Amino acid sequence: MIRLGILVSGSGSNLQAIMDSCVCGDIDGMVAVVISNVEEAYALKRAENYDIPTKVISHEHYPDRVNFDMQLVKTLKEFDVGLVVLAGFMRILTPEFLKHFPGRIMNIHPALLPSFPGLEVRQKAIDHGVKLSGCSVHFVDDGVDTGPIIIQAAVPVYPDDSKEELKDRILALEHKIYPRAIQLFAQGRLDIVERKVFIRDQVKEKTAYMVNPPLED
């Protein structure tokens, strides 16, 4: 059973999906600790409702990013965390952090990487006029949203979409694919080869596709 350490900064809807998946057995694991750099993050309340230990480690209390990250590392190791999961954690991790959990840090991003890394990506997708957007779960490396991609899900984008409409459409899929990616890791089915993540025993659906607008009305 994999022990998860979840890093959060905000409301924690993906945290909620992960905790629910652990409870119902869709993830062979448990959330060992939830850590936030923001004291008022609602995600902490979600974790407390599940009797999961929480910690607040404010980056404002440390002289630099490395010292902050080393406190995160210390706390995660105290809880014997096997996989670090970023769920709306609004900090870029340093190489010093990454070396303590090689190949054991995941993040979710609300776009189809490598398109639209960084922030405000839903609005960027709308402004660019793409017909498909979505979300990506990837392993974390020392870049910004550049690590090997584990799983992606796509949704249609319409020219008159608001940012909130697209956000809601994507978020519903985030709550499905993040627990799935974690379960694949817990099952030992993920192999990283250069930039590619291979999933053991994956079935190829050769005719699967998504088109927007549809080929037929």
C-alpha atoms as a PDB file:
ATOM      1  CA  MET A   1       0.000   0.000   0.000  1.00  0.00           C
ATOM      2  CA  ILE A   2       1.509   3.301  -1.132  1.00  0.00           C
ATOM      3  CA  ARG A   3       1.745   6.142   1.365  1.00  0.00           C
ATOM      4  CA  LEU A   4       0.902   9.481  -0.235  1.00  0.00           C
ATOM      5  CA  GLY A   5       2.095  12.914   0.787  1.00  0.00           C
ATOM      6  CA  ILE A   6      -0.143  15.587  -0.745  1.00  0.00           C
ATOM      7  CA  LEU A   7       1.097  19.168  -1.175  1.00  0.00           C
ATOM      8  CA  VAL A   8      -1.654  21.789  -1.483  1.00  0.00           C
ATOM      9  CA  SER A   9      -2.187  25.541  -1.562  1.00  0.00           C
ATOM     10  CA  GLY A  10      -5.892  26.005  -2.272  1.00  0.00           C
ATOM     11  CA  SER A  11      -9.334  24.445  -2.116  1.00  0.00           C
ATOM     12  CA  GLY A  12      -8.213  20.858  -2.616  1.00  0.00           C
ATOM     13  CA  SER A  13     -10.779  19.402  -5.010  1.00  0.00           C
ATOM     14  CA  ASN A  14      -8.189  17.014  -6.444  1.00  0.00           C
ATOM     15  CA  LEU A  15      -7.176  16.109  -2.904  1.00  0.00           C
ATOM     16  CA  GLN A  16     -10.815  15.247  -2.245  1.00  0.00           C
ATOM     17  CA  ALA A  17     -10.912  12.969  -5.292  1.00  0.00           C
ATOM     18  CA  ILE A  18      -7.726  11.217  -4.175  1.00  0.00           C
ATOM     19  CA  MET A  19      -8.932  10.714  -0.595  1.00  0.00           C
ATOM     20  CA  ASP A  20     -12.264   9.352  -1.847  1.00  0.00           C
ATOM     21  CA  SER A  21     -10.436   6.976  -4.198  1.00  0.00           C
ATOM     22  CA  CYS A  22      -8.308   5.665  -1.330  1.00  0.00           C
ATOM     23  CA  VAL A  23     -11.399   5.079   0.812  1.00  0.00           C
ATOM     24  CA  CYS A  24     -13.320   3.212  -1.893  1.00  0.00           C
ATOM     25  CA  GLY A  25     -10.337   1.122  -2.974  1.00  0.00           C
ATOM     26  CA  ASP A  26      -9.667   2.674  -6.377  1.00  0.00           C
ATOM     27  CA  ILE A  27      -6.200   3.550  -5.067  1.00  0.00           C
ATOM     28  CA  ASP A  28      -4.190   0.899  -3.249  1.00  0.00           C
ATOM     29  CA  GLY A  29      -2.868   3.452  -0.812  1.00  0.00           C
ATOM     30  CA  MET A  30      -3.514   5.976   1.904  1.00  0.00           C
ATOM     31  CA  VAL A  31      -2.947   9.689   2.353  1.00  0.00           C
ATOM     32  CA  ALA A  32      -0.301   9.801   5.070  1.00  0.00           C
ATOM     33  CA  VAL A  33      -0.080  13.601   5.358  1.00  0.00           C
ATOM     34  CA  VAL A  34      -1.379  16.772   3.722  1.00  0.00           C
ATOM     35  CA  ILE A  35       0.990  19.746   3.733  1.00  0.00           C
ATOM     36  CA  SER A  36       0.068  23.304   2.786  1.00  0.00           C
ATOM     37  CA  ASN A  37       2.167  26.432   2.441  1.00  0.00           C
ATOM     38  CA  VAL A  38      -1.022  28.462   3.020  1.00  0.00           C
ATOM     39  CA  GLU A  39      -2.533  28.335   6.483  1.00  0.00           C
ATOM     40  CA  GLU A  40      -6.092  29.139   5.360  1.00  0.00           C
ATOM     41  CA  ALA A  41      -6.170  26.619   2.482  1.00  0.00           C
ATOM     42  CA  TYR A  42      -9.525  24.828   2.498  1.00  0.00           C
ATOM     43  CA  ALA A  43      -7.736  21.621   1.491  1.00  0.00           C
ATOM     44  CA  LEU A  44      -6.547  21.319   5.102  1.00  0.00           C
ATOM     45  CA  LYS A  45     -10.144  21.221   6.311  1.00  0.00           C
ATOM     46  CA  ARG A  46     -10.935  18.499   3.779  1.00  0.00           C
ATOM     47  CA  ALA A  47      -8.069  16.397   5.146  1.00  0.00           C
ATOM     48  CA  GLU A  48      -9.081  16.993   8.753  1.00  0.00           C
ATOM     49  CA  ASN A  49     -12.578  15.735   7.900  1.00  0.00           C
ATOM     50  CA  TYR A  50     -10.913  12.411   7.023  1.00  0.00           C
ATOM     51  CA  ASP A  51      -8.737  12.415  10.162  1.00  0.00           C
ATOM     52  CA  ILE A  52      -5.633  12.771   8.003  1.00  0.00           C
ATOM     53  CA  PRO A  53      -2.627  14.518   9.602  1.00  0.00           C
ATOM     54  CA  THR A  54      -2.031  18.035   8.274  1.00  0.00           C
ATOM     55  CA  LYS A  55       0.923  20.390   8.441  1.00  0.00           C
ATOM     56  CA  VAL A  56       1.305  24.066   7.553  1.00  0.00           C
ATOM     57  CA  ILE A  57       4.790  24.985   6.339  1.00  0.00           C
ATOM     58  CA  SER A  58       4.729  28.582   5.168  1.00  0.00           C
ATOM     59  CA  HIS A  59       7.361  29.547   2.607  1.00  0.00           C
ATOM     60  CA  GLU A  60       7.304  33.020   4.129  1.00  0.00           C
ATOM     61  CA  HIS A  61       9.067  31.695   7.227  1.00  0.00           C
ATOM     62  CA  TYR A  62      12.171  30.521   5.352  1.00  0.00           C
ATOM     63  CA  PRO A  63      15.013  32.610   3.909  1.00  0.00           C
ATOM     64  CA  ASP A  64      15.016  30.896   0.513  1.00  0.00           C
ATOM     65  CA  ARG A  65      13.378  28.162  -1.558  1.00  0.00           C
ATOM     66  CA  VAL A  66      15.941  25.517  -0.658  1.00  0.00           C
ATOM     67  CA  ASN A  67      15.436  25.873   3.092  1.00  0.00           C
ATOM     68  CA  PHE A  68      11.680  25.746   2.609  1.00  0.00           C
ATOM     69  CA  ASP A  69      11.931  22.656   0.427  1.00  0.00           C
ATOM     70  CA  MET A  70      14.194  20.892   2.908  1.00  0.00           C
ATOM     71  CA  GLN A  71      11.536  21.332   5.592  1.00  0.00           C
ATOM     72  CA  LEU A  72       9.017  19.786   3.226  1.00  0.00           C
ATOM     73  CA  VAL A  73      11.376  16.873   2.626  1.00  0.00           C
ATOM     74  CA  LYS A  74      11.921  16.376   6.355  1.00  0.00           C
ATOM     75  CA  THR A  75       8.180  16.281   7.047  1.00  0.00           C
ATOM     76  CA  LEU A  76       7.403  13.946   4.145  1.00  0.00           C
ATOM     77  CA  LYS A  77      10.081  11.522   5.287  1.00  0.00           C
ATOM     78  CA  GLU A  78       8.773  11.647   8.858  1.00  0.00           C
ATOM     79  CA  PHE A  79       5.512  10.275   7.465  1.00  0.00           C
ATOM     80  CA  ASP A  80       7.323   7.649   5.344  1.00  0.00           C
ATOM     81  CA  VAL A  81       5.840   8.979   2.102  1.00  0.00           C
ATOM     82  CA  GLY A  82       6.345   6.830  -0.984  1.00  0.00           C
ATOM     83  CA  LEU A  83       4.789   9.170  -3.547  1.00  0.00           C
ATOM     84  CA  VAL A  84       4.602  12.972  -3.422  1.00  0.00           C
ATOM     85  CA  VAL A  85       1.442  14.334  -5.066  1.00  0.00           C
ATOM     86  CA  LEU A  86       1.084  18.002  -5.980  1.00  0.00           C
ATOM     87  CA  ALA A  87      -2.585  19.002  -5.866  1.00  0.00           C
ATOM     88  CA  GLY A  88      -2.796  22.708  -6.537  1.00  0.00           C
ATOM     89  CA  PHE A  89       0.549  23.376  -4.855  1.00  0.00           C
ATOM     90  CA  MET A  90       1.583  26.837  -6.033  1.00  0.00           C
ATOM     91  CA  ARG A  91       5.322  26.512  -5.572  1.00  0.00           C
ATOM     92  CA  ILE A  92       8.056  25.370  -7.947  1.00  0.00           C
ATOM     93  CA  LEU A  93      10.150  22.662  -6.318  1.00  0.00           C
ATOM     94  CA  THR A  94      13.926  22.994  -6.296  1.00  0.00           C
ATOM     95  CA  PRO A  95      16.362  20.364  -7.626  1.00  0.00           C
ATOM     96  CA  GLU A  96      17.362  19.764  -4.006  1.00  0.00           C
ATOM     97  CA  PHE A  97      13.808  18.612  -3.267  1.00  0.00           C
ATOM     98  CA  LEU A  98      13.553  16.484  -6.414  1.00  0.00           C
ATOM     99  CA  LYS A  99      16.656  14.447  -5.661  1.00  0.00           C
ATOM    100  CA  HIS A 100      15.052  13.096  -2.482  1.00  0.00           C
ATOM    101  CA  PHE A 101      12.093  11.612  -4.404  1.00  0.00           C
ATOM    102  CA  PRO A 102      13.402  10.650  -7.866  1.00  0.00           C
ATOM    103  CA  GLY A 103      10.581   9.412 -10.085  1.00  0.00           C
ATOM    104  CA  ARG A 104       8.188   9.731  -7.142  1.00  0.00           C
ATOM    105  CA  ILE A 105       6.599  13.161  -7.600  1.00  0.00           C
ATOM    106  CA  MET A 106       3.416  13.738  -9.621  1.00  0.00           C
ATOM    107  CA  ASN A 107       1.605  16.867 -10.717  1.00  0.00           C
ATOM    108  CA  ILE A 108      -1.609  17.612 -12.601  1.00  0.00           C
ATOM    109  CA  HIS A 109      -1.881  20.417 -15.128  1.00  0.00           C
ATOM    110  CA  PRO A 110      -5.099  21.786 -16.706  1.00  0.00           C
ATOM    111  CA  ALA A 111      -3.935  21.605 -20.327  1.00  0.00           C
ATOM    112  CA  LEU A 112      -2.735  19.058 -22.852  1.00  0.00           C
ATOM    113  CA  LEU A 113       1.000  19.300 -22.336  1.00  0.00           C
ATOM    114  CA  PRO A 114       3.360  20.246 -23.840  1.00  0.00           C
ATOM    115  CA  SER A 115       0.888  22.933 -24.957  1.00  0.00           C
ATOM    116  CA  PHE A 116       0.237  25.790 -22.531  1.00  0.00           C
ATOM    117  CA  PRO A 117       2.529  25.164 -19.557  1.00  0.00           C
ATOM    118  CA  GLY A 118       2.566  27.582 -16.638  1.00  0.00           C
ATOM    119  CA  LEU A 119      -0.335  29.693 -15.394  1.00  0.00           C
ATOM    120  CA  GLU A 120      -3.679  30.967 -16.769  1.00  0.00           C
ATOM    121  CA  VAL A 121      -3.656  28.117 -19.257  1.00  0.00           C
ATOM    122  CA  ARG A 122      -7.421  27.765 -19.713  1.00  0.00           C
ATOM    123  CA  GLN A 123      -7.716  31.353 -20.915  1.00  0.00           C
ATOM    124  CA  LYS A 124      -4.698  30.850 -23.146  1.00  0.00           C
ATOM    125  CA  ALA A 125      -6.376  27.821 -24.745  1.00  0.00           C
ATOM    126  CA  ILE A 126      -9.554  29.834 -25.376  1.00  0.00           C
ATOM    127  CA  ASP A 127      -7.645  32.820 -26.734  1.00  0.00           C
ATOM    128  CA  HIS A 128      -5.576  30.610 -29.032  1.00  0.00           C
ATOM    129  CA  GLY A 129      -8.731  29.069 -30.502  1.00  0.00           C
ATOM    130  CA  VAL A 130      -7.867  25.415 -29.897  1.00  0.00           C
ATOM    131  CA  LYS A 131     -10.685  22.917 -30.401  1.00  0.00           C
ATOM    132  CA  LEU A 132      -9.488  20.474 -27.743  1.00  0.00           C
ATOM    133  CA  SER A 133      -7.971  21.084 -24.329  1.00  0.00           C
ATOM    134  CA  GLY A 134      -7.849  18.944 -21.218  1.00  0.00           C
ATOM    135  CA  CYS A 135      -5.545  17.887 -18.428  1.00  0.00           C
ATOM    136  CA  SER A 136      -2.285  16.007 -17.973  1.00  0.00           C
ATOM    137  CA  VAL A 137      -0.750  14.092 -15.073  1.00  0.00           C
ATOM    138  CA  HIS A 138       3.024  14.030 -15.291  1.00  0.00           C
ATOM    139  CA  PHE A 139       6.086  13.214 -13.271  1.00  0.00           C
ATOM    140  CA  VAL A 140       7.835  16.319 -11.985  1.00  0.00           C
ATOM    141  CA  ASP A 141      11.287  17.259 -13.204  1.00  0.00           C
ATOM    142  CA  ASP A 142      13.308  20.462 -12.811  1.00  0.00           C
ATOM    143  CA  GLY A 143      11.343  22.335 -15.467  1.00  0.00           C
ATOM    144  CA  VAL A 144       7.874  23.889 -15.333  1.00  0.00           C
ATOM    145  CA  ASP A 145       5.308  21.294 -16.463  1.00  0.00           C
ATOM    146  CA  THR A 146       7.964  19.528 -18.536  1.00  0.00           C
ATOM    147  CA  GLY A 147       8.176  16.079 -16.910  1.00  0.00           C
ATOM    148  CA  PRO A 148       7.208  12.753 -18.535  1.00  0.00           C
ATOM    149  CA  ILE A 149       3.457  12.521 -19.139  1.00  0.00           C
ATOM    150  CA  ILE A 150       1.562   9.649 -17.506  1.00  0.00           C
ATOM    151  CA  ILE A 151      -2.054  10.185 -18.555  1.00  0.00           C
ATOM    152  CA  GLN A 152      -4.082  12.819 -20.395  1.00  0.00           C
ATOM    153  CA  ALA A 153      -7.778  13.511 -20.957  1.00  0.00           C
ATOM    154  CA  ALA A 154      -9.317  15.807 -23.569  1.00  0.00           C
ATOM    155  CA  VAL A 155     -12.435  17.973 -23.641  1.00  0.00           C
ATOM    156  CA  PRO A 156     -13.898  20.160 -26.391  1.00  0.00           C
ATOM    157  CA  VAL A 157     -13.294  23.892 -26.363  1.00  0.00           C
ATOM    158  CA  TYR A 158     -15.943  26.168 -27.856  1.00  0.00           C
ATOM    159  CA  PRO A 159     -15.242  29.677 -29.219  1.00  0.00           C
ATOM    160  CA  ASP A 160     -17.702  31.281 -26.785  1.00  0.00           C
ATOM    161  CA  ASP A 161     -16.442  29.399 -23.714  1.00  0.00           C
ATOM    162  CA  SER A 162     -15.712  31.378 -20.595  1.00  0.00           C
ATOM    163  CA  LYS A 163     -12.676  30.472 -18.533  1.00  0.00           C
ATOM    164  CA  GLU A 164     -14.965  29.112 -15.818  1.00  0.00           C
ATOM    165  CA  GLU A 165     -16.914  26.928 -18.234  1.00  0.00           C
ATOM    166  CA  LEU A 166     -13.734  25.361 -19.549  1.00  0.00           C
ATOM    167  CA  LYS A 167     -12.342  25.041 -16.034  1.00  0.00           C
ATOM    168  CA  ASP A 168     -15.388  23.050 -14.867  1.00  0.00           C
ATOM    169  CA  ARG A 169     -15.237  20.784 -17.916  1.00  0.00           C
ATOM    170  CA  ILE A 170     -11.560  20.037 -17.359  1.00  0.00           C
ATOM    171  CA  LEU A 171     -11.799  19.720 -13.574  1.00  0.00           C
ATOM    172  CA  ALA A 172     -14.331  16.898 -13.839  1.00  0.00           C
ATOM    173  CA  LEU A 173     -11.727  14.893 -15.751  1.00  0.00           C
ATOM    174  CA  GLU A 174      -8.884  15.866 -13.421  1.00  0.00           C
ATOM    175  CA  HIS A 175     -10.773  14.118 -10.623  1.00  0.00           C
ATOM    176  CA  LYS A 176     -10.821  10.931 -12.717  1.00  0.00           C
ATOM    177  CA  ILE A 177      -7.331  10.768 -14.161  1.00  0.00           C
ATOM    178  CA  TYR A 178      -5.283  11.802 -11.119  1.00  0.00           C
ATOM    179  CA  PRO A 179      -6.461   8.867  -8.971  1.00  0.00           C
ATOM    180  CA  ARG A 180      -5.912   6.599 -11.985  1.00  0.00           C
ATOM    181  CA  ALA A 181      -2.320   7.745 -12.412  1.00  0.00           C
ATOM    182  CA  ILE A 182      -1.641   7.219  -8.706  1.00  0.00           C
ATOM    183  CA  GLN A 183      -3.132   3.718  -8.849  1.00  0.00           C
ATOM    184  CA  LEU A 184      -0.919   2.816 -11.822  1.00  0.00           C
ATOM    185  CA  PHE A 185       2.074   3.920  -9.754  1.00  0.00           C
ATOM    186  CA  ALA A 186       0.856   1.967  -6.726  1.00  0.00           C
ATOM    187  CA  GLN A 187       0.558  -1.134  -8.922  1.00  0.00           C
ATOM    188  CA  GLY A 188       4.141  -0.709 -10.132  1.00  0.00           C
ATOM    189  CA  ARG A 189       2.988  -0.407 -13.744  1.00  0.00           C
ATOM    190  CA  LEU A 190       4.800   2.814 -14.731  1.00  0.00           C
ATOM    191  CA  ASP A 191       8.221   2.743 -16.395  1.00  0.00           C
ATOM    192  CA  ILE A 192       9.997   5.941 -17.450  1.00  0.00           C
ATOM    193  CA  VAL A 193      12.197   5.565 -20.531  1.00  0.00           C
ATOM    194  CA  GLU A 194      13.762   8.888 -21.511  1.00  0.00           C
ATOM    195  CA  ARG A 195      10.711  11.170 -22.046  1.00  0.00           C
ATOM    196  CA  LYS A 196       8.141   8.403 -22.319  1.00  0.00           C
ATOM    197  CA  VAL A 197       6.070   6.710 -19.620  1.00  0.00           C
ATOM    198  CA  PHE A 198       5.252   3.117 -20.529  1.00  0.00           C
ATOM    199  CA  ILE A 199       2.274   1.495 -18.805  1.00  0.00           C
ATOM    200  CA  ARG A 200       2.663  -2.241 -18.349  1.00  0.00           C
ATOM    201  CA  ASP A 201      -0.170  -4.331 -19.798  1.00  0.00           C
ATOM    202  CA  GLN A 202      -1.786  -1.318 -21.441  1.00  0.00           C
ATOM    203  CA  VAL A 203      -4.392  -2.213 -24.065  1.00  0.00           C
ATOM    204  CA  LYS A 204      -4.148  -0.214 -27.293  1.00  0.00           C
ATOM    205  CA  GLU A 205      -7.518   1.145 -28.438  1.00  0.00           C
ATOM    206  CA  LYS A 206      -6.564   1.634 -32.073  1.00  0.00           C
ATOM    207  CA  THR A 207      -9.860   3.186 -33.158  1.00  0.00           C
ATOM    208  CA  ALA A 208     -10.327   5.599 -30.256  1.00  0.00           C
ATOM    209  CA  TYR A 209     -10.494   9.293 -31.128  1.00  0.00           C
ATOM    210  CA  MET A 210     -12.110  12.593 -30.226  1.00  0.00           C
ATOM    211  CA  VAL A 211     -13.073  15.263 -32.772  1.00  0.00           C
ATOM    212  CA  ASN A 212     -14.387  18.784 -32.192  1.00  0.00           C
ATOM    213  CA  PRO A 213     -16.501  19.853 -33.983  1.00  0.00           C
ATOM    214  CA  PRO A 214     -17.997  16.387 -34.692  1.00  0.00           C
ATOM    215  CA  LEU A 215     -17.539  14.853 -38.118  1.00  0.00           C
ATOM    216  CA  GLU A 216     -21.322  14.712 -38.449  1.00  0.00           C
ATOM    217  CA  ASP A 217     -24.004  17.001 -37.028  1.00  0.00           C
END
